[in-house]
Every structure is written in structure tokens, then in C-alpha cells.
Protein backbone atom coordinates (compact mmCIF):
# COMPACT_ATOMS: atom_id res chain seq x y z
CA UNK A 1 12.89 8.61 26.21
CA UNK A 2 13.47 9.76 22.64
CA UNK A 3 10.39 11.38 21.20
CA UNK A 4 9.13 11.95 17.68
CA UNK A 5 10.64 14.58 15.45
CA UNK A 6 9.04 16.75 12.81
CA UNK A 7 9.54 15.46 9.29
CA UNK A 8 11.16 18.10 7.10
CA UNK A 9 9.36 19.67 4.18
CA UNK A 10 11.23 17.68 1.56
CA UNK A 11 9.73 14.41 2.78
CA UNK A 12 6.04 15.29 2.53
CA UNK A 13 5.92 17.70 -0.35
CA UNK A 14 3.56 15.68 -2.55
CA UNK A 15 0.65 15.87 -0.15
CA UNK A 16 -0.64 19.42 -0.58
CA UNK A 17 -2.03 21.14 -3.66
CA UNK A 18 -0.46 24.42 -4.88
CA UNK A 19 -1.68 27.55 -3.12
CA UNK A 20 -2.01 31.14 -4.27
CA UNK A 21 0.60 33.63 -2.99
CA UNK A 22 0.04 34.49 0.67
CA UNK A 23 1.21 37.13 3.11
CA UNK A 24 1.88 37.16 6.82
CA UNK A 25 -0.94 38.96 8.64
CA UNK A 26 1.02 40.25 11.59
CA UNK A 27 -2.03 41.85 13.20
CA UNK A 28 -3.64 38.46 13.81
CA UNK A 29 -1.09 37.15 16.28
CA UNK A 30 -2.66 36.60 19.69
CA UNK A 31 -1.33 36.83 23.22
CA UNK A 32 -1.05 33.04 23.21
CA UNK A 33 0.98 33.17 19.98
CA UNK A 34 3.38 35.64 21.56
CA UNK A 35 3.62 33.52 24.71
CA UNK A 36 4.32 30.39 22.66
CA UNK A 37 7.10 32.13 20.72
CA UNK A 38 8.67 33.53 23.91
CA UNK A 39 8.39 30.24 25.81
CA UNK A 40 9.98 28.21 23.03
CA UNK A 41 12.62 30.85 22.34
CA UNK A 42 13.69 31.17 25.97
CA UNK A 43 13.67 27.41 26.53
CA UNK A 44 15.79 26.73 23.49
CA UNK A 45 18.30 29.47 24.09
CA UNK A 46 19.24 27.93 27.45
CA UNK A 47 20.54 24.96 25.46
CA UNK A 48 21.69 26.66 22.29
CA UNK A 49 23.99 29.20 23.92
CA UNK A 50 26.44 26.37 24.58
CA UNK A 51 25.30 23.65 22.17
CA UNK A 52 24.62 25.47 18.89
CA UNK A 53 27.17 26.32 16.24
CA UNK A 54 28.58 29.80 16.63
CA UNK A 55 27.30 30.41 13.09
CA UNK A 56 23.73 29.95 14.30
CA UNK A 57 24.24 32.11 17.40
CA UNK A 58 25.77 34.86 15.27
CA UNK A 59 22.96 34.47 12.72
CA UNK A 60 20.32 35.03 15.42
CA UNK A 61 21.84 38.45 15.93
CA UNK A 62 22.03 39.07 12.19
CA UNK A 63 18.28 38.53 11.77
CA UNK A 64 17.51 40.33 15.06
CA UNK A 65 15.42 37.55 16.62
CA UNK A 66 14.14 38.25 20.12
CA UNK A 67 11.96 36.31 22.58
CA UNK A 68 9.52 39.20 22.96
CA UNK A 69 8.81 39.68 19.24
CA UNK A 70 7.42 37.27 16.66
CA UNK A 71 9.49 37.82 13.48
CA UNK A 72 7.95 40.06 10.85
CA UNK A 73 8.56 38.64 7.35
CA UNK A 74 8.73 42.08 5.76
CA UNK A 75 11.57 42.99 8.09
CA UNK A 76 13.25 39.64 7.44
CA UNK A 77 13.08 40.23 3.69
CA UNK A 78 15.08 43.43 4.11
CA UNK A 79 17.63 41.88 6.46
CA UNK A 80 18.18 38.72 4.43
CA UNK A 81 18.09 40.61 1.15
CA UNK A 82 20.95 42.82 2.23
CA UNK A 83 23.07 39.86 3.39
CA UNK A 84 22.46 36.95 1.01
CA UNK A 85 19.67 38.03 -1.34
CA UNK A 86 17.17 35.60 0.19
CA UNK A 87 13.55 36.36 1.13
CA UNK A 88 10.56 34.74 2.82
CA UNK A 89 7.73 32.97 1.01
CA UNK A 90 4.56 32.45 3.05
CA UNK A 91 2.96 29.01 2.72
CA UNK A 92 0.00 27.49 4.61
CA UNK A 93 1.87 24.29 5.48
CA UNK A 94 3.64 21.77 3.25
CA UNK A 95 3.78 22.62 -0.46
CA UNK A 96 4.22 20.49 -3.62
CA UNK A 97 7.66 19.17 -4.40
CA UNK A 98 8.22 21.15 -7.59
CA UNK A 99 7.01 24.38 -5.97
CA UNK A 100 9.30 23.84 -2.99
CA UNK A 101 12.45 23.46 -5.05
CA UNK A 102 11.52 26.23 -7.47
CA UNK A 103 10.97 28.53 -4.50
CA UNK A 104 14.39 27.68 -3.08
CA UNK A 105 15.96 28.12 -6.50
CA UNK A 106 14.59 31.68 -6.51
CA UNK A 107 16.28 32.18 -3.11
CA UNK A 108 12.94 32.32 -1.32
CA UNK A 109 12.35 30.22 1.77
CA UNK A 110 8.82 28.75 2.21
CA UNK A 111 7.61 29.15 5.78
CA UNK A 112 4.36 28.93 7.69
CA UNK A 113 3.13 31.84 9.80
CA UNK A 114 1.04 29.94 12.35
CA UNK A 115 2.27 28.89 15.78
CA UNK A 116 1.45 25.82 17.83
CA UNK A 117 -0.68 26.10 20.97
CA UNK A 118 0.71 26.13 24.51
CA UNK A 119 -0.43 22.52 24.95
CA UNK A 120 1.60 21.52 21.86
CA UNK A 121 5.00 22.86 22.86
CA UNK A 122 6.88 19.59 22.55
CA UNK A 123 5.55 17.99 19.38
CA UNK A 124 3.62 18.70 16.19
CA UNK A 125 3.20 16.42 13.20
CA UNK A 126 3.49 19.37 10.81
CA UNK A 127 6.18 22.05 11.10
CA UNK A 128 4.93 25.36 12.46
CA UNK A 129 6.48 28.82 12.38
CA UNK A 130 8.85 28.11 15.25
CA UNK A 131 10.40 25.21 13.37
CA UNK A 132 10.40 26.99 10.01
CA UNK A 133 11.50 30.41 11.17
CA UNK A 134 13.51 29.96 14.37
CA UNK A 135 15.05 26.73 13.10
CA UNK A 136 15.80 27.63 9.48
CA UNK A 137 15.79 31.36 8.88
CA UNK A 138 18.78 32.67 10.88
CA UNK A 139 21.25 30.66 8.79
CA UNK A 140 19.74 32.12 5.62
CA UNK A 141 22.01 35.06 6.44
CA UNK A 142 25.06 32.80 5.93
CA UNK A 143 26.38 32.80 2.36
CA UNK A 144 27.98 29.34 2.37
CA UNK A 145 24.90 27.76 3.94
CA UNK A 146 22.52 29.38 1.46
CA UNK A 147 24.83 28.41 -1.39
CA UNK A 148 24.46 24.79 -0.33
CA UNK A 149 20.70 25.17 0.10
CA UNK A 150 20.27 26.61 -3.39
CA UNK A 151 22.61 24.04 -4.87
CA UNK A 152 20.49 21.25 -3.41
CA UNK A 153 17.40 22.82 -4.99
CA UNK A 154 19.11 22.98 -8.39
CA UNK A 155 20.04 19.29 -8.18
CA UNK A 156 16.52 18.33 -7.17
CA UNK A 157 14.97 20.30 -10.03
CA UNK A 158 17.17 18.39 -12.48
CA UNK A 159 15.84 15.10 -11.13
CA UNK A 160 12.20 15.76 -10.29
CA UNK A 161 11.12 12.85 -12.49
CA UNK A 162 13.27 10.39 -10.54
CA UNK A 163 11.80 9.20 -7.21
CA UNK A 164 15.11 7.53 -6.34
CA UNK A 165 17.08 10.74 -6.89
CA UNK A 166 14.67 12.71 -4.71
CA UNK A 167 14.90 10.02 -2.03
CA UNK A 168 18.70 10.14 -2.04
CA UNK A 169 18.78 13.94 -2.02
CA UNK A 170 16.20 13.81 0.76
CA UNK A 171 18.69 11.90 2.88
CA UNK A 172 21.31 14.59 2.31
CA UNK A 173 18.75 17.24 3.24
CA UNK A 174 17.70 15.31 6.34
CA UNK A 175 21.19 14.77 7.73
CA UNK A 176 22.38 18.32 6.99
CA UNK A 177 19.70 21.02 6.76
CA UNK A 178 17.44 19.31 9.29
CA UNK A 179 19.69 17.24 11.55
CA UNK A 180 23.27 18.29 10.91
CA UNK A 181 26.09 18.73 13.43
CA UNK A 182 29.33 20.67 13.01
CA UNK A 183 32.82 20.40 14.44
CA UNK A 184 33.93 23.60 16.16
CA UNK A 185 37.16 23.84 18.11
CA UNK A 186 37.15 20.15 18.84
CA UNK A 187 33.53 20.07 19.96
CA UNK A 188 30.32 18.98 18.24
CA UNK A 189 27.69 21.69 17.81
CA UNK A 190 24.18 21.62 16.36
CA UNK A 191 23.00 23.56 13.31
CA UNK A 192 20.20 21.48 11.72
CA UNK A 193 16.77 23.11 12.03
CA UNK A 194 15.12 19.94 13.31
CA UNK A 195 17.54 19.93 16.22
CA UNK A 196 17.66 23.70 16.73
CA UNK A 197 13.87 23.87 17.14
CA UNK A 198 13.63 20.86 19.48
CA UNK A 199 14.71 21.04 23.11
CA UNK A 200 14.76 17.28 23.47
CA UNK A 201 16.70 16.58 20.27
CA UNK A 202 19.26 19.27 21.06
CA UNK A 203 20.21 17.50 24.27
CA UNK A 204 19.96 14.02 22.78
CA UNK A 205 21.96 14.73 19.61
CA UNK A 206 25.06 15.73 21.57
CA UNK A 207 24.79 12.95 24.13
CA UNK A 208 26.64 9.62 23.97
CA UNK A 209 23.48 7.76 22.92
CA UNK A 210 23.50 8.30 19.12
CA UNK A 211 26.41 7.65 16.75
CA UNK A 212 28.36 10.66 15.48
CA UNK A 213 29.86 10.10 12.04
CA UNK A 214 32.00 12.29 9.79
CA UNK A 215 30.03 13.70 6.87
CA UNK A 216 30.52 11.49 3.82
CA UNK A 217 28.21 11.87 0.84
CA UNK A 218 27.91 8.19 -0.06
CA UNK A 219 27.40 7.16 3.56
CA UNK A 220 24.64 9.72 3.95
CA UNK A 221 22.89 8.64 0.76
CA UNK A 222 22.95 5.05 1.98
CA UNK A 223 21.49 5.97 5.38
CA UNK A 224 17.78 5.52 5.97
CA UNK A 225 16.03 7.22 8.86
CA UNK A 226 12.78 7.48 10.76
CA UNK A 227 10.79 10.66 11.26
CA UNK A 228 8.97 9.64 14.44
CA UNK A 229 11.93 9.19 16.82
CA UNK A 230 15.21 10.88 17.65
CA UNK A 231 17.94 9.92 15.20
CA UNK A 232 20.19 6.88 15.71
CA UNK A 233 23.08 8.75 14.09
CA UNK A 234 24.14 12.24 13.10
CA UNK A 235 26.67 13.31 10.48
CA UNK A 236 29.21 15.96 11.44
CA UNK A 237 30.53 18.53 8.95
CA UNK A 238 33.65 20.64 9.41
CA UNK A 239 32.16 23.88 8.10
CA UNK A 240 29.46 25.33 5.89
CA UNK A 241 32.14 26.02 3.31
CA UNK A 242 32.96 22.30 3.24
CA UNK A 243 29.25 21.51 2.95
CA UNK A 244 28.91 23.90 0.01
CA UNK A 245 31.97 22.39 -1.65
CA UNK A 246 30.42 18.93 -1.30
CA UNK A 247 27.78 19.77 -3.93
CA UNK A 248 29.94 18.48 -6.77
CA UNK A 249 30.51 15.23 -4.88
CA UNK A 250 26.78 14.97 -4.17
CA UNK A 251 26.03 15.29 -7.88
CA UNK A 252 28.73 12.75 -8.78
CA UNK A 253 27.61 10.14 -6.24
CA UNK A 254 23.96 10.72 -7.14
CA UNK A 255 24.65 9.99 -10.80
CA UNK A 256 26.60 6.85 -9.83
CA UNK A 257 23.75 5.61 -7.64
CA UNK A 258 21.19 6.28 -10.37
CA UNK A 259 23.33 4.48 -12.96
CA UNK A 260 23.71 1.49 -10.63
CA UNK A 261 19.95 1.38 -10.18
CA UNK A 262 19.43 1.54 -13.96
CA UNK A 263 21.85 -1.35 -14.53
CA UNK A 264 20.12 -3.42 -11.87
CA UNK A 265 16.74 -2.76 -13.47
CA UNK A 266 18.13 -3.67 -16.88
CA UNK A 267 19.68 -6.86 -15.54
CA UNK A 268 16.46 -7.85 -13.78
CA UNK A 269 14.51 -7.39 -17.00
CA UNK A 270 16.68 -9.86 -18.92
């Protein structure tokens, strides 16, 4: 049975008040924390070795992730800084919309440092460190991927006063950064963090149950979704370079959709 998925940060950003800068306190991780990280890591790698994009598998090596070591953000800052110029930004949970996009625009990735309990391995309502760090951070070593990520932040910052624009960009974010698939050598592979960090969704996303559609900006923007079940459809990109190059099309289609909405509002007011 499909189970609920974690909603990405972009969808809940208005709920939490701004927080002061924080740091990861590595000394506070417990034996249970280390066991949770190892259990989730080992369980996922059994699937990801054959189901994940080669870019993600390579990126795991780039950031030196291991099952027996919870990632240290100070070490990640050095590794990512040398490869793409990105760094980690510690947050308590979900942060305000403006702060989120401004953080991404600075090439900092907001991530929690707390881990779920052993009795919460399969589902959490809020994203924990395994989702944020295991799911998102390895690909921050990929230049095309981070170029797309930053480009999305720049677009969002230009339209923060437009709920419709944020909703439409949220759909792009959802079906790429969180739940994207990629064509590789004639096979579909996973790269979205929401899939990468979920054992159940990894298996489900590549099965014959959901629809698999070629990535098309307008189609994605017109696609609604639910956050409490596995997805009914997934969009498949050809490469991160193609995703990065789609930014101009995303901006173009976004402006067209906003103009259409404005004309409809104007017509309704007559």
C-alpha cells in the first residue's frame, strides 16, 4: 500500500518564525541517533545501488557519506565549498519562505540536525536530518544540479508577493528536487530527495503503478499533487544539464501563467 510522503520545505515555509543562526552540536548525537542513521543508510543503499541515478551514487562518494558516521556539517562545508561553493545552514525545522529562498540564493542549504527515533523509521510529518542531508546534500556537489537549485531560488525571490507564482514554482520543485526521475541508458533512475530518502517510494516510483511522463515545464506547472501518499505520476528528465537549461522556459511559462491569471481576474471584475 502506498504510504504518506514527507512534504518538502517549499510547501510549508510560512508556518515557522525566523530563528537565530544555529550550529550542529555533533557531541549530542546518541547511540540511537547513530543506529537510526546506519539503519536507514544501509536499508536505502540496497535499493539505491541499482535504482538511483549514477549522479547520486557518485555524489555520495564526493561527500564521503558512510553508514557508520553521521555527517559533520563543518566537514561538508569544506567538501561542498571546494566543489560547487555551497555550504550547510542549520535550521530547527521548517523556515519562513523568504528566508528559505534567500538562503538558497546564497548557496547555503537549510537542513535540520535531528534524527527520527527507531520507532519512526518509515514516516515523519516533518523532514528530519536523514531526509534533508542524505536525500538532498550529495547532489549539492553537482554543478548543474546546484545551478538549477539556485536558479529556482532566484525566480522565487522575484515573485514572493505572488501566491500563484510560488504555487507553480512549488510544483516544479516537487516534481524535480523532491520527486524527480532521470533517464539513464534507457532506464529510469531516481534522484529526487523525497524518493531517495524513502525506501517505499524508491520501489514504488520505478514500478508500473505510477505514470512516468517526460519532463515538460507547462505540464508540471499544471500538475497538482498530494503530500500524504505516494505520487500518481513522476516526471523524467534527461539530465541535470537539461534541467538547468529549462530555467529560461520555467520563467517564460511562469510569466504566461501569471498573465493569464491576471486577464481572468480582470475579466471577472468587469
